[in-house]
Amino acid sequence: MTTVVVICKETLPGKVKTRLHPPLTLEQAAEVAAAAIQDTLAVVRQLPASRRVLLFDGNRTPPGSEDFDVIHQIGGGLDARLGALFDEVDGRTVLVGMDTPQLTVADLAPAFDDPSDDVDAWFGPANDGGFWALGLERPTGDLLRGVPMSQDDTGAHQLRRLAEAGLRVRRLPELVDVDTIDDARLAAAAGSDTLFAQALRRLDPITAGGPDASRPTPEETLS
């Protein structure tokens, strides 16, 4: 019995993926964010979850989440909001962000293995030092409250918290977390058939292979 939670917010221009502007307009950035949510929800619907939850900030929930239970995010920092979630759920729970639209069912499959005596948590690192997924066999918000979020060492802090609690952690694959346009291009290349990639190819000349496609992008090194 596994609960999967997708955290996201309403895709309003100027409120989501603002670091994609420029080169995208704020409206275009909101459009690709909406596509990323659709891709994430589609993957989660394929997982053998006993419950699917949308941890949501906003008024209008995204299409494709109609069969998800909705928990509205509380106020405060991200650590407080995630802590409140893990206090509210019971049993094995896996939290997934919406910033990794290249996500596949295989990436999350280990968190759906039969109960194991040697794994207490699942951790999906992101390329920017954060994490795109966190699963807990016995969820409690104390494992997240106080962890500094949205930093390049957020993942290290979260892993340290899990280790200090004596949890045995299984790592999931590292994925690109979409913050900047270069991240977006990498995620689109990794998941070329996603709605996210289709939207980015339509809106971004470099992703589409336009006249500037040969221009090198910065080398990549969560939230």
N, C-alpha and C. Protein backbone atom coordinates (compact mmCIF):
# COMPACT_ATOMS: atom_id res chain seq x y z
N MET A 1 0.85 -1.19 0.00
CA MET A 1 0.00 0.00 0.00
C MET A 1 0.89 1.24 0.00
N THR A 2 0.85 1.99 -1.09
CA THR A 2 1.72 3.16 -1.23
C THR A 2 0.92 4.36 -1.69
N THR A 3 1.11 5.47 -1.00
CA THR A 3 0.54 6.75 -1.41
C THR A 3 1.58 7.53 -2.20
N VAL A 4 1.16 8.10 -3.32
CA VAL A 4 2.03 8.97 -4.09
C VAL A 4 1.45 10.38 -4.06
N VAL A 5 2.30 11.34 -3.76
CA VAL A 5 1.89 12.74 -3.66
C VAL A 5 2.65 13.56 -4.69
N VAL A 6 1.92 14.34 -5.47
CA VAL A 6 2.54 15.29 -6.40
C VAL A 6 2.33 16.69 -5.84
N ILE A 7 3.44 17.42 -5.65
CA ILE A 7 3.33 18.79 -5.16
C ILE A 7 3.42 19.74 -6.34
N CYS A 8 2.47 20.67 -6.42
CA CYS A 8 2.49 21.66 -7.49
C CYS A 8 1.63 22.84 -7.10
N LYS A 9 1.72 23.89 -7.90
CA LYS A 9 0.87 25.05 -7.69
C LYS A 9 0.22 25.45 -9.00
N GLU A 10 -0.81 26.27 -8.91
CA GLU A 10 -1.54 26.72 -10.09
C GLU A 10 -0.59 27.45 -11.03
N THR A 11 -0.69 27.15 -12.31
CA THR A 11 0.26 27.69 -13.28
C THR A 11 -0.20 29.05 -13.81
N LEU A 12 -0.02 30.05 -12.97
CA LEU A 12 -0.37 31.41 -13.33
C LEU A 12 0.87 32.14 -13.84
N PRO A 13 0.77 32.86 -14.97
CA PRO A 13 1.93 33.61 -15.48
C PRO A 13 2.49 34.54 -14.42
N GLY A 14 3.79 34.53 -14.28
CA GLY A 14 4.45 35.36 -13.28
C GLY A 14 4.54 34.71 -11.92
N LYS A 15 3.95 33.52 -11.75
CA LYS A 15 3.96 32.81 -10.46
C LYS A 15 4.69 31.48 -10.54
N VAL A 16 4.92 30.97 -11.73
CA VAL A 16 5.59 29.68 -11.90
C VAL A 16 6.69 29.80 -12.95
N LYS A 17 7.78 29.10 -12.70
CA LYS A 17 8.89 29.00 -13.65
C LYS A 17 9.33 30.36 -14.19
N THR A 18 9.41 31.32 -13.31
CA THR A 18 9.78 32.67 -13.74
C THR A 18 11.23 32.76 -14.21
N ARG A 19 12.07 31.81 -13.81
CA ARG A 19 13.48 31.83 -14.24
C ARG A 19 13.64 31.37 -15.68
N LEU A 20 12.56 30.93 -16.33
CA LEU A 20 12.59 30.64 -17.76
C LEU A 20 12.39 31.91 -18.59
N HIS A 21 12.13 33.01 -17.91
CA HIS A 21 11.92 34.32 -18.57
C HIS A 21 13.07 35.26 -18.25
N PRO A 22 13.81 35.74 -19.31
CA PRO A 22 13.76 35.26 -20.70
C PRO A 22 14.54 33.95 -20.84
N PRO A 23 14.47 33.30 -21.98
CA PRO A 23 13.93 33.74 -23.26
C PRO A 23 12.42 33.57 -23.40
N LEU A 24 11.80 32.72 -22.59
CA LEU A 24 10.35 32.56 -22.68
C LEU A 24 9.66 33.76 -22.06
N THR A 25 8.46 34.05 -22.53
CA THR A 25 7.63 35.03 -21.85
C THR A 25 7.07 34.38 -20.59
N LEU A 26 6.53 35.18 -19.70
CA LEU A 26 5.93 34.62 -18.48
C LEU A 26 4.76 33.72 -18.82
N GLU A 27 4.01 34.06 -19.86
CA GLU A 27 2.89 33.22 -20.30
C GLU A 27 3.39 31.89 -20.84
N GLN A 28 4.48 31.93 -21.60
CA GLN A 28 5.05 30.69 -22.13
C GLN A 28 5.64 29.83 -21.02
N ALA A 29 6.28 30.47 -20.05
CA ALA A 29 6.82 29.73 -18.92
C ALA A 29 5.71 29.00 -18.16
N ALA A 30 4.57 29.66 -17.99
CA ALA A 30 3.43 29.02 -17.34
C ALA A 30 2.90 27.87 -18.17
N GLU A 31 2.97 28.01 -19.49
CA GLU A 31 2.50 26.94 -20.38
C GLU A 31 3.37 25.70 -20.27
N VAL A 32 4.68 25.87 -20.24
CA VAL A 32 5.55 24.69 -20.13
C VAL A 32 5.46 24.08 -18.72
N ALA A 33 5.21 24.92 -17.70
CA ALA A 33 5.01 24.40 -16.35
C ALA A 33 3.76 23.53 -16.31
N ALA A 34 2.69 23.96 -16.98
CA ALA A 34 1.46 23.18 -17.03
C ALA A 34 1.70 21.85 -17.73
N ALA A 35 2.52 21.87 -18.78
CA ALA A 35 2.85 20.63 -19.48
C ALA A 35 3.64 19.69 -18.59
N ALA A 36 4.57 20.25 -17.80
CA ALA A 36 5.35 19.42 -16.87
C ALA A 36 4.46 18.75 -15.85
N ILE A 37 3.47 19.45 -15.37
CA ILE A 37 2.51 18.85 -14.42
C ILE A 37 1.75 17.72 -15.08
N GLN A 38 1.30 17.93 -16.32
CA GLN A 38 0.57 16.89 -17.04
C GLN A 38 1.42 15.63 -17.20
N ASP A 39 2.67 15.81 -17.56
CA ASP A 39 3.56 14.66 -17.71
C ASP A 39 3.74 13.92 -16.39
N THR A 40 3.92 14.67 -15.31
CA THR A 40 4.12 14.05 -14.00
C THR A 40 2.88 13.29 -13.55
N LEU A 41 1.72 13.88 -13.71
CA LEU A 41 0.48 13.22 -13.33
C LEU A 41 0.27 11.94 -14.15
N ALA A 42 0.62 12.00 -15.43
CA ALA A 42 0.45 10.82 -16.30
C ALA A 42 1.29 9.65 -15.81
N VAL A 43 2.53 9.94 -15.38
CA VAL A 43 3.39 8.88 -14.86
C VAL A 43 2.83 8.33 -13.55
N VAL A 44 2.41 9.22 -12.67
CA VAL A 44 1.89 8.79 -11.36
C VAL A 44 0.64 7.94 -11.52
N ARG A 45 -0.19 8.24 -12.52
CA ARG A 45 -1.39 7.44 -12.75
C ARG A 45 -1.05 6.02 -13.19
N GLN A 46 0.15 5.81 -13.72
CA GLN A 46 0.56 4.46 -14.14
C GLN A 46 1.16 3.63 -13.01
N LEU A 47 1.47 4.27 -11.90
CA LEU A 47 2.09 3.56 -10.79
C LEU A 47 1.04 2.78 -9.99
N PRO A 48 1.41 1.67 -9.39
CA PRO A 48 0.46 0.87 -8.62
C PRO A 48 0.22 1.44 -7.23
N ALA A 49 -0.20 2.68 -7.18
CA ALA A 49 -0.42 3.36 -5.90
C ALA A 49 -1.79 3.03 -5.33
N SER A 50 -1.86 2.94 -4.02
CA SER A 50 -3.16 2.72 -3.36
C SER A 50 -3.91 4.03 -3.20
N ARG A 51 -3.18 5.15 -3.22
CA ARG A 51 -3.79 6.47 -3.10
C ARG A 51 -2.92 7.48 -3.85
N ARG A 52 -3.57 8.40 -4.56
CA ARG A 52 -2.87 9.46 -5.27
C ARG A 52 -3.34 10.80 -4.73
N VAL A 53 -2.40 11.65 -4.40
CA VAL A 53 -2.70 12.93 -3.74
C VAL A 53 -2.05 14.07 -4.50
N LEU A 54 -2.74 15.19 -4.58
CA LEU A 54 -2.19 16.42 -5.11
C LEU A 54 -2.01 17.39 -3.93
N LEU A 55 -0.76 17.71 -3.64
CA LEU A 55 -0.46 18.71 -2.61
C LEU A 55 -0.43 20.05 -3.32
N PHE A 56 -1.49 20.84 -3.20
CA PHE A 56 -1.75 21.91 -4.15
C PHE A 56 -1.79 23.28 -3.52
N ASP A 57 -1.25 24.23 -4.27
CA ASP A 57 -1.32 25.65 -3.91
C ASP A 57 -2.01 26.37 -5.05
N GLY A 58 -3.24 26.83 -4.80
CA GLY A 58 -3.99 27.54 -5.83
C GLY A 58 -5.47 27.26 -5.72
N ASN A 59 -6.19 27.66 -6.76
CA ASN A 59 -7.64 27.52 -6.77
C ASN A 59 -8.13 26.49 -7.78
N ARG A 60 -7.52 26.47 -8.95
CA ARG A 60 -7.97 25.58 -10.01
C ARG A 60 -6.96 24.45 -10.18
N THR A 61 -7.38 23.23 -9.82
CA THR A 61 -6.47 22.09 -9.94
C THR A 61 -6.25 21.73 -11.41
N PRO A 62 -5.11 21.15 -11.74
CA PRO A 62 -4.78 20.88 -13.14
C PRO A 62 -5.59 19.74 -13.72
N PRO A 63 -5.84 19.78 -15.03
CA PRO A 63 -6.47 18.64 -15.70
C PRO A 63 -5.64 17.38 -15.48
N GLY A 64 -6.34 16.27 -15.34
CA GLY A 64 -5.64 15.01 -15.11
C GLY A 64 -5.52 14.65 -13.65
N SER A 65 -5.92 15.56 -12.77
CA SER A 65 -5.84 15.28 -11.33
C SER A 65 -7.21 14.99 -10.73
N GLU A 66 -8.20 14.74 -11.58
CA GLU A 66 -9.56 14.57 -11.09
C GLU A 66 -9.72 13.39 -10.14
N ASP A 67 -8.88 12.35 -10.32
CA ASP A 67 -8.99 11.18 -9.44
C ASP A 67 -7.99 11.23 -8.29
N PHE A 68 -7.35 12.38 -8.09
CA PHE A 68 -6.43 12.58 -6.98
C PHE A 68 -7.15 13.21 -5.80
N ASP A 69 -6.81 12.77 -4.59
CA ASP A 69 -7.25 13.51 -3.41
C ASP A 69 -6.44 14.81 -3.34
N VAL A 70 -7.08 15.90 -2.94
CA VAL A 70 -6.40 17.19 -2.89
C VAL A 70 -6.15 17.59 -1.45
N ILE A 71 -4.90 17.86 -1.14
CA ILE A 71 -4.52 18.45 0.14
C ILE A 71 -3.94 19.83 -0.17
N HIS A 72 -4.51 20.85 0.41
CA HIS A 72 -4.02 22.20 0.14
C HIS A 72 -2.81 22.50 1.02
N GLN A 73 -1.82 23.11 0.42
CA GLN A 73 -0.60 23.44 1.14
C GLN A 73 -0.88 24.48 2.22
N ILE A 74 -0.26 24.31 3.36
CA ILE A 74 -0.37 25.29 4.43
C ILE A 74 0.56 26.46 4.11
N GLY A 75 0.50 27.50 4.90
CA GLY A 75 1.43 28.61 4.75
C GLY A 75 2.78 28.26 5.32
N GLY A 76 3.75 29.13 5.08
CA GLY A 76 5.09 28.92 5.62
C GLY A 76 6.06 28.42 4.58
N GLY A 77 7.26 28.12 5.02
CA GLY A 77 8.30 27.65 4.13
C GLY A 77 8.02 26.27 3.60
N LEU A 78 8.80 25.88 2.59
CA LEU A 78 8.58 24.57 1.97
C LEU A 78 8.78 23.44 2.96
N ASP A 79 9.74 23.57 3.87
CA ASP A 79 9.96 22.51 4.86
C ASP A 79 8.73 22.32 5.74
N ALA A 80 8.06 23.43 6.10
CA ALA A 80 6.85 23.35 6.92
C ALA A 80 5.70 22.73 6.14
N ARG A 81 5.60 23.07 4.87
CA ARG A 81 4.52 22.53 4.04
C ARG A 81 4.70 21.03 3.82
N LEU A 82 5.93 20.62 3.58
CA LEU A 82 6.18 19.18 3.41
C LEU A 82 6.04 18.43 4.73
N GLY A 83 6.48 19.06 5.80
CA GLY A 83 6.32 18.45 7.11
C GLY A 83 4.85 18.20 7.43
N ALA A 84 4.00 19.18 7.13
CA ALA A 84 2.56 19.02 7.38
C ALA A 84 1.98 17.88 6.57
N LEU A 85 2.45 17.73 5.33
CA LEU A 85 1.98 16.62 4.50
C LEU A 85 2.33 15.28 5.13
N PHE A 86 3.61 15.10 5.49
CA PHE A 86 4.03 13.81 6.02
C PHE A 86 3.46 13.52 7.40
N ASP A 87 2.96 14.52 8.08
CA ASP A 87 2.23 14.28 9.33
C ASP A 87 0.81 13.81 9.06
N GLU A 88 0.27 14.17 7.89
CA GLU A 88 -1.14 13.89 7.59
C GLU A 88 -1.35 12.51 6.98
N VAL A 89 -0.35 11.98 6.29
CA VAL A 89 -0.52 10.70 5.59
C VAL A 89 -0.10 9.53 6.47
N ASP A 90 -0.52 8.34 6.08
CA ASP A 90 -0.18 7.11 6.79
C ASP A 90 0.41 6.11 5.83
N GLY A 91 1.30 5.28 6.32
CA GLY A 91 1.89 4.23 5.50
C GLY A 91 2.91 4.78 4.51
N ARG A 92 3.47 3.87 3.75
CA ARG A 92 4.51 4.28 2.79
C ARG A 92 4.00 5.39 1.88
N THR A 93 4.72 6.49 1.85
CA THR A 93 4.32 7.66 1.07
C THR A 93 5.52 8.17 0.28
N VAL A 94 5.28 8.44 -1.00
CA VAL A 94 6.32 8.95 -1.88
C VAL A 94 5.89 10.31 -2.42
N LEU A 95 6.71 11.31 -2.13
CA LEU A 95 6.47 12.67 -2.62
C LEU A 95 7.26 12.89 -3.90
N VAL A 96 6.60 13.47 -4.90
CA VAL A 96 7.24 13.75 -6.18
C VAL A 96 6.98 15.20 -6.56
N GLY A 97 8.01 15.88 -7.04
CA GLY A 97 7.84 17.23 -7.54
C GLY A 97 7.34 17.22 -8.98
N MET A 98 7.03 18.42 -9.51
CA MET A 98 6.57 18.52 -10.89
C MET A 98 7.64 19.13 -11.80
N ASP A 99 8.86 19.28 -11.28
CA ASP A 99 9.92 19.94 -12.03
C ASP A 99 10.79 18.98 -12.82
N THR A 100 10.41 17.71 -12.89
CA THR A 100 11.19 16.70 -13.62
C THR A 100 10.26 16.00 -14.62
N PRO A 101 9.85 16.70 -15.69
CA PRO A 101 8.87 16.13 -16.62
C PRO A 101 9.37 14.94 -17.40
N GLN A 102 10.71 14.69 -17.37
CA GLN A 102 11.26 13.51 -18.03
C GLN A 102 11.11 12.25 -17.19
N LEU A 103 10.50 12.37 -16.02
CA LEU A 103 10.27 11.26 -15.10
C LEU A 103 9.59 10.09 -15.80
N THR A 104 10.03 8.87 -15.46
CA THR A 104 9.40 7.66 -15.99
C THR A 104 8.93 6.77 -14.84
N VAL A 105 8.09 5.80 -15.16
CA VAL A 105 7.64 4.82 -14.18
C VAL A 105 8.82 4.06 -13.60
N ALA A 106 9.80 3.75 -14.44
CA ALA A 106 10.98 3.01 -13.98
C ALA A 106 11.76 3.78 -12.92
N ASP A 107 11.79 5.11 -13.02
CA ASP A 107 12.52 5.92 -12.04
C ASP A 107 11.97 5.74 -10.64
N LEU A 108 10.65 5.52 -10.52
CA LEU A 108 10.00 5.41 -9.22
C LEU A 108 9.72 3.97 -8.81
N ALA A 109 9.98 3.02 -9.70
CA ALA A 109 9.63 1.62 -9.44
C ALA A 109 10.21 1.08 -8.14
N PRO A 110 11.46 1.43 -7.76
CA PRO A 110 12.01 0.86 -6.52
C PRO A 110 11.19 1.19 -5.27
N ALA A 111 10.49 2.31 -5.28
CA ALA A 111 9.68 2.69 -4.13
C ALA A 111 8.39 1.89 -4.03
N PHE A 112 8.15 1.04 -5.04
CA PHE A 112 6.94 0.21 -5.04
C PHE A 112 7.27 -1.26 -4.90
N ASP A 113 8.53 -1.55 -4.55
CA ASP A 113 8.90 -2.93 -4.28
C ASP A 113 8.12 -3.45 -3.08
N ASP A 114 8.08 -4.75 -2.95
CA ASP A 114 7.44 -5.35 -1.78
C ASP A 114 8.13 -4.85 -0.52
N PRO A 115 7.41 -4.82 0.60
CA PRO A 115 8.03 -4.35 1.85
C PRO A 115 9.38 -5.00 2.10
N SER A 116 10.33 -4.18 2.48
CA SER A 116 11.69 -4.67 2.69
C SER A 116 12.13 -4.36 4.11
N ASP A 117 12.98 -5.25 4.63
CA ASP A 117 13.50 -5.05 5.98
C ASP A 117 14.73 -4.15 6.00
N ASP A 118 15.22 -3.77 4.80
CA ASP A 118 16.47 -3.01 4.78
C ASP A 118 16.34 -1.63 4.15
N VAL A 119 15.12 -1.15 3.87
CA VAL A 119 14.91 0.18 3.32
C VAL A 119 13.82 0.89 4.10
N ASP A 120 14.14 2.10 4.58
CA ASP A 120 13.17 2.92 5.29
C ASP A 120 12.76 4.16 4.51
N ALA A 121 13.57 4.54 3.53
CA ALA A 121 13.33 5.78 2.80
C ALA A 121 13.88 5.67 1.39
N TRP A 122 13.31 6.44 0.49
CA TRP A 122 13.76 6.50 -0.90
C TRP A 122 14.04 7.96 -1.23
N PHE A 123 15.17 8.21 -1.88
CA PHE A 123 15.61 9.58 -2.12
C PHE A 123 16.01 9.75 -3.58
N GLY A 124 15.35 10.70 -4.25
CA GLY A 124 15.66 10.98 -5.65
C GLY A 124 16.42 12.29 -5.77
N PRO A 125 17.74 12.25 -5.97
CA PRO A 125 18.51 13.48 -6.06
C PRO A 125 18.29 14.20 -7.38
N ALA A 126 18.42 15.50 -7.35
CA ALA A 126 18.33 16.32 -8.55
C ALA A 126 19.70 16.90 -8.87
N ASN A 127 19.86 17.31 -10.09
CA ASN A 127 21.16 17.78 -10.57
C ASN A 127 21.61 19.08 -9.91
N ASP A 128 20.69 19.82 -9.30
CA ASP A 128 21.05 21.11 -8.71
C ASP A 128 21.34 21.01 -7.22
N GLY A 129 21.44 19.79 -6.69
CA GLY A 129 21.73 19.63 -5.27
C GLY A 129 20.53 19.43 -4.40
N GLY A 130 19.34 19.49 -4.97
CA GLY A 130 18.11 19.26 -4.22
C GLY A 130 17.63 17.83 -4.39
N PHE A 131 16.31 17.64 -4.34
CA PHE A 131 15.75 16.31 -4.57
C PHE A 131 14.41 16.43 -5.26
N TRP A 132 14.15 15.45 -6.12
CA TRP A 132 12.89 15.44 -6.87
C TRP A 132 11.88 14.47 -6.26
N ALA A 133 12.33 13.57 -5.40
CA ALA A 133 11.43 12.59 -4.77
C ALA A 133 11.94 12.25 -3.38
N LEU A 134 11.00 12.01 -2.48
CA LEU A 134 11.32 11.54 -1.14
C LEU A 134 10.22 10.60 -0.69
N GLY A 135 10.60 9.36 -0.38
CA GLY A 135 9.64 8.39 0.11
C GLY A 135 9.99 7.95 1.52
N LEU A 136 8.97 7.78 2.35
CA LEU A 136 9.17 7.34 3.72
C LEU A 136 8.25 6.16 4.03
N GLU A 137 8.82 5.11 4.58
CA GLU A 137 8.03 3.94 4.96
C GLU A 137 7.11 4.28 6.12
N ARG A 138 7.61 5.07 7.07
CA ARG A 138 6.81 5.53 8.21
C ARG A 138 6.89 7.06 8.26
N PRO A 139 5.99 7.73 7.55
CA PRO A 139 6.11 9.18 7.39
C PRO A 139 5.94 9.96 8.68
N THR A 140 6.78 10.98 8.83
CA THR A 140 6.65 11.94 9.92
C THR A 140 7.26 13.26 9.47
N GLY A 141 6.57 14.34 9.76
CA GLY A 141 7.02 15.66 9.31
C GLY A 141 8.30 16.13 9.96
N ASP A 142 8.66 15.55 11.11
CA ASP A 142 9.89 15.97 11.78
C ASP A 142 11.13 15.68 10.95
N LEU A 143 11.00 14.80 9.97
CA LEU A 143 12.15 14.50 9.13
C LEU A 143 12.40 15.58 8.08
N LEU A 144 11.46 16.53 7.93
CA LEU A 144 11.63 17.59 6.94
C LEU A 144 11.66 18.99 7.53
N ARG A 145 10.92 19.19 8.63
CA ARG A 145 10.89 20.54 9.20
C ARG A 145 12.29 20.96 9.65
N GLY A 146 12.68 22.15 9.23
CA GLY A 146 13.99 22.66 9.58
C GLY A 146 15.06 22.40 8.54
N VAL A 147 14.78 21.57 7.55
CA VAL A 147 15.73 21.35 6.47
C VAL A 147 15.72 22.58 5.55
N PRO A 148 16.86 23.21 5.30
CA PRO A 148 16.87 24.38 4.41
C PRO A 148 16.56 23.97 2.98
N MET A 149 15.54 24.58 2.41
CA MET A 149 15.08 24.21 1.09
C MET A 149 15.57 25.20 0.03
N SER A 150 15.50 24.74 -1.22
CA SER A 150 15.84 25.58 -2.39
C SER A 150 17.26 26.09 -2.34
N GLN A 151 18.19 25.24 -1.88
CA GLN A 151 19.60 25.57 -1.86
C GLN A 151 20.36 24.47 -2.61
N ASP A 152 21.61 24.76 -2.95
CA ASP A 152 22.38 23.75 -3.68
C ASP A 152 22.86 22.61 -2.79
N ASP A 153 22.61 22.72 -1.48
CA ASP A 153 22.94 21.62 -0.56
C ASP A 153 21.71 21.09 0.17
N THR A 154 20.52 21.38 -0.37
CA THR A 154 19.29 20.89 0.25
C THR A 154 19.28 19.37 0.33
N GLY A 155 19.69 18.71 -0.74
CA GLY A 155 19.71 17.25 -0.74
C GLY A 155 20.63 16.68 0.32
N ALA A 156 21.80 17.30 0.48
CA ALA A 156 22.75 16.83 1.49
C ALA A 156 22.17 17.00 2.89
N HIS A 157 21.51 18.13 3.15
CA HIS A 157 20.88 18.36 4.45
C HIS A 157 19.79 17.32 4.71
N GLN A 158 18.97 17.02 3.67
CA GLN A 158 17.87 16.06 3.86
C GLN A 158 18.40 14.66 4.09
N LEU A 159 19.42 14.29 3.35
CA LEU A 159 20.02 12.97 3.56
C LEU A 159 20.62 12.85 4.96
N ARG A 160 21.25 13.92 5.43
CA ARG A 160 21.83 13.91 6.77
C ARG A 160 20.73 13.74 7.82
N ARG A 161 19.59 14.39 7.61
CA ARG A 161 18.46 14.26 8.55
C ARG A 161 17.97 12.81 8.59
N LEU A 162 17.87 12.19 7.42
CA LEU A 162 17.43 10.80 7.38
C LEU A 162 18.43 9.87 8.07
N ALA A 163 19.71 10.13 7.85
CA ALA A 163 20.75 9.31 8.46
C ALA A 163 20.75 9.47 9.98
N GLU A 164 20.59 10.70 10.45
CA GLU A 164 20.57 10.96 11.89
C GLU A 164 19.40 10.28 12.57
N ALA A 165 18.31 10.04 11.81
CA ALA A 165 17.15 9.33 12.34
C ALA A 165 17.33 7.82 12.26
N GLY A 166 18.47 7.39 11.74
CA GLY A 166 18.75 5.95 11.65
C GLY A 166 18.06 5.25 10.50
N LEU A 167 17.63 6.01 9.49
CA LEU A 167 16.91 5.40 8.37
C LEU A 167 17.88 4.87 7.32
N ARG A 168 17.51 3.76 6.75
CA ARG A 168 18.27 3.18 5.65
C ARG A 168 17.65 3.65 4.34
N VAL A 169 18.46 4.32 3.53
CA VAL A 169 17.97 5.05 2.36
C VAL A 169 18.37 4.35 1.07
N ARG A 170 17.42 4.20 0.18
CA ARG A 170 17.71 3.72 -1.17
C ARG A 170 17.62 4.92 -2.12
N ARG A 171 18.66 5.10 -2.89
CA ARG A 171 18.70 6.23 -3.83
C ARG A 171 18.00 5.85 -5.14
N LEU A 172 17.24 6.81 -5.66
CA LEU A 172 16.63 6.71 -6.98
C LEU A 172 17.54 7.43 -7.98
N PRO A 173 17.28 7.31 -9.28
CA PRO A 173 18.15 7.97 -10.26
C PRO A 173 18.16 9.50 -10.10
N GLU A 174 19.28 10.09 -10.42
CA GLU A 174 19.36 11.55 -10.44
C GLU A 174 18.67 12.07 -11.70
N LEU A 175 17.85 13.13 -11.53
CA LEU A 175 17.14 13.74 -12.65
C LEU A 175 17.44 15.23 -12.71
N VAL A 176 17.23 15.80 -13.87
CA VAL A 176 17.37 17.24 -14.05
C VAL A 176 16.12 17.93 -13.54
N ASP A 177 16.32 18.87 -12.61
CA ASP A 177 15.24 19.69 -12.07
C ASP A 177 15.17 20.97 -12.90
N VAL A 178 14.01 21.26 -13.46
CA VAL A 178 13.88 22.41 -14.36
C VAL A 178 13.72 23.71 -13.57
N ASP A 179 14.78 24.50 -13.55
CA ASP A 179 14.74 25.85 -13.00
C ASP A 179 15.02 26.87 -14.10
N THR A 180 16.09 26.65 -14.85
CA THR A 180 16.53 27.58 -15.88
C THR A 180 16.21 27.02 -17.27
N ILE A 181 16.42 27.86 -18.30
CA ILE A 181 16.15 27.41 -19.66
C ILE A 181 17.11 26.29 -20.06
N ASP A 182 18.34 26.32 -19.56
CA ASP A 182 19.27 25.23 -19.89
C ASP A 182 18.81 23.93 -19.26
N ASP A 183 18.30 23.98 -18.02
CA ASP A 183 17.70 22.79 -17.40
C ASP A 183 16.55 22.28 -18.26
N ALA A 184 15.70 23.21 -18.72
CA ALA A 184 14.52 22.83 -19.51
C ALA A 184 14.93 22.11 -20.78
N ARG A 185 15.98 22.59 -21.43
CA ARG A 185 16.45 21.95 -22.65
C ARG A 185 16.98 20.55 -22.39
N LEU A 186 17.70 20.38 -21.29
CA LEU A 186 18.21 19.06 -20.92
C LEU A 186 17.06 18.10 -20.62
N ALA A 187 16.05 18.57 -19.86
CA ALA A 187 14.90 17.72 -19.52
C ALA A 187 14.12 17.35 -20.78
N ALA A 188 14.00 18.29 -21.71
CA ALA A 188 13.29 18.01 -22.96
C ALA A 188 14.04 16.99 -23.80
N ALA A 189 15.37 17.06 -23.78
CA ALA A 189 16.16 16.08 -24.53
C ALA A 189 16.06 14.70 -23.91
N ALA A 190 15.98 14.64 -22.56
CA ALA A 190 15.89 13.36 -21.86
C ALA A 190 14.52 12.72 -22.03
N GLY A 191 13.48 13.55 -22.19
CA GLY A 191 12.12 13.04 -22.38
C GLY A 191 11.51 13.68 -23.60
N SER A 192 12.01 13.30 -24.77
CA SER A 192 11.64 14.00 -26.01
C SER A 192 10.19 13.81 -26.42
N ASP A 193 9.53 12.77 -25.89
CA ASP A 193 8.14 12.53 -26.25
C ASP A 193 7.14 13.13 -25.26
N THR A 194 7.64 13.81 -24.27
CA THR A 194 6.75 14.38 -23.25
C THR A 194 6.01 15.61 -23.78
N LEU A 195 4.91 15.95 -23.13
CA LEU A 195 4.20 17.19 -23.46
C LEU A 195 5.09 18.39 -23.20
N PHE A 196 5.92 18.29 -22.15
CA PHE A 196 6.86 19.36 -21.83
C PHE A 196 7.80 19.61 -23.00
N ALA A 197 8.39 18.55 -23.52
CA ALA A 197 9.33 18.70 -24.63
C ALA A 197 8.63 19.25 -25.86
N GLN A 198 7.42 18.80 -26.12
CA GLN A 198 6.68 19.31 -27.27
C GLN A 198 6.41 20.81 -27.13
N ALA A 199 6.01 21.22 -25.92
CA ALA A 199 5.75 22.65 -25.70
C ALA A 199 7.03 23.46 -25.84
N LEU A 200 8.14 22.95 -25.30
CA LEU A 200 9.38 23.71 -25.37
C LEU A 200 9.89 23.81 -26.80
N ARG A 201 9.76 22.74 -27.57
CA ARG A 201 10.18 22.81 -28.97
C ARG A 201 9.38 23.86 -29.74
N ARG A 202 8.13 24.03 -29.37
CA ARG A 202 7.29 25.01 -30.05
C ARG A 202 7.63 26.44 -29.65
N LEU A 203 8.11 26.61 -28.42
CA LEU A 203 8.28 27.96 -27.88
C LEU A 203 9.73 28.44 -27.85
N ASP A 204 10.68 27.50 -27.89
CA ASP A 204 12.09 27.85 -27.75
C ASP A 204 12.85 27.48 -29.01
N PRO A 205 13.41 28.45 -29.74
CA PRO A 205 14.09 28.15 -31.01
C PRO A 205 15.24 27.17 -30.86
N ILE A 206 16.01 27.22 -29.78
CA ILE A 206 17.14 26.32 -29.63
C ILE A 206 16.68 24.88 -29.45
N THR A 207 15.65 24.68 -28.61
CA THR A 207 15.10 23.33 -28.44
C THR A 207 14.53 22.82 -29.75
N ALA A 208 13.92 23.72 -30.52
CA ALA A 208 13.31 23.33 -31.79
C ALA A 208 14.34 23.06 -32.87
N GLY A 209 15.64 23.41 -32.62
CA GLY A 209 16.66 23.22 -33.63
C GLY A 209 16.67 24.34 -34.63
N GLY A 210 16.34 25.55 -34.16
CA GLY A 210 16.30 26.74 -35.01
C GLY A 210 17.68 27.26 -35.31
N PRO A 211 17.79 28.49 -35.81
CA PRO A 211 19.06 29.04 -36.27
C PRO A 211 20.11 29.15 -35.19
N ASP A 212 19.70 29.21 -33.91
CA ASP A 212 20.68 29.32 -32.84
C ASP A 212 20.95 27.99 -32.16
N ALA A 213 20.48 26.90 -32.76
CA ALA A 213 20.56 25.61 -32.09
C ALA A 213 21.99 25.15 -31.86
N SER A 214 22.92 25.64 -32.68
CA SER A 214 24.29 25.18 -32.53
C SER A 214 25.04 25.95 -31.46
N ARG A 215 24.45 26.99 -30.91
CA ARG A 215 25.11 27.76 -29.88
C ARG A 215 25.25 26.93 -28.62
N PRO A 216 26.44 26.77 -28.06
CA PRO A 216 26.59 25.93 -26.85
C PRO A 216 25.88 26.52 -25.67
N THR A 217 25.37 25.65 -24.83
CA THR A 217 24.74 26.09 -23.59
C THR A 217 25.67 25.80 -22.44
N PRO A 218 25.52 26.50 -21.32
CA PRO A 218 26.43 26.29 -20.18
C PRO A 218 26.37 24.84 -19.71
N GLU A 219 27.50 24.36 -19.24
CA GLU A 219 27.56 22.99 -18.73
C GLU A 219 26.78 22.91 -17.43
N GLU A 220 26.01 21.83 -17.32
CA GLU A 220 25.17 21.71 -16.13
C GLU A 220 25.87 21.04 -15.00
N THR A 221 25.73 21.32 -13.97
CA THR A 221 26.30 20.70 -12.80
C THR A 221 25.33 19.78 -12.10
N LEU A 222 18.23 20.93 -5.86
CA LEU A 222 16.87 20.87 -6.38
C LEU A 222 16.14 21.72 -5.48
N SER A 223 14.97 21.40 -5.19
CA SER A 223 14.60 22.56 -4.49
C SER A 223 13.72 22.15 -3.38
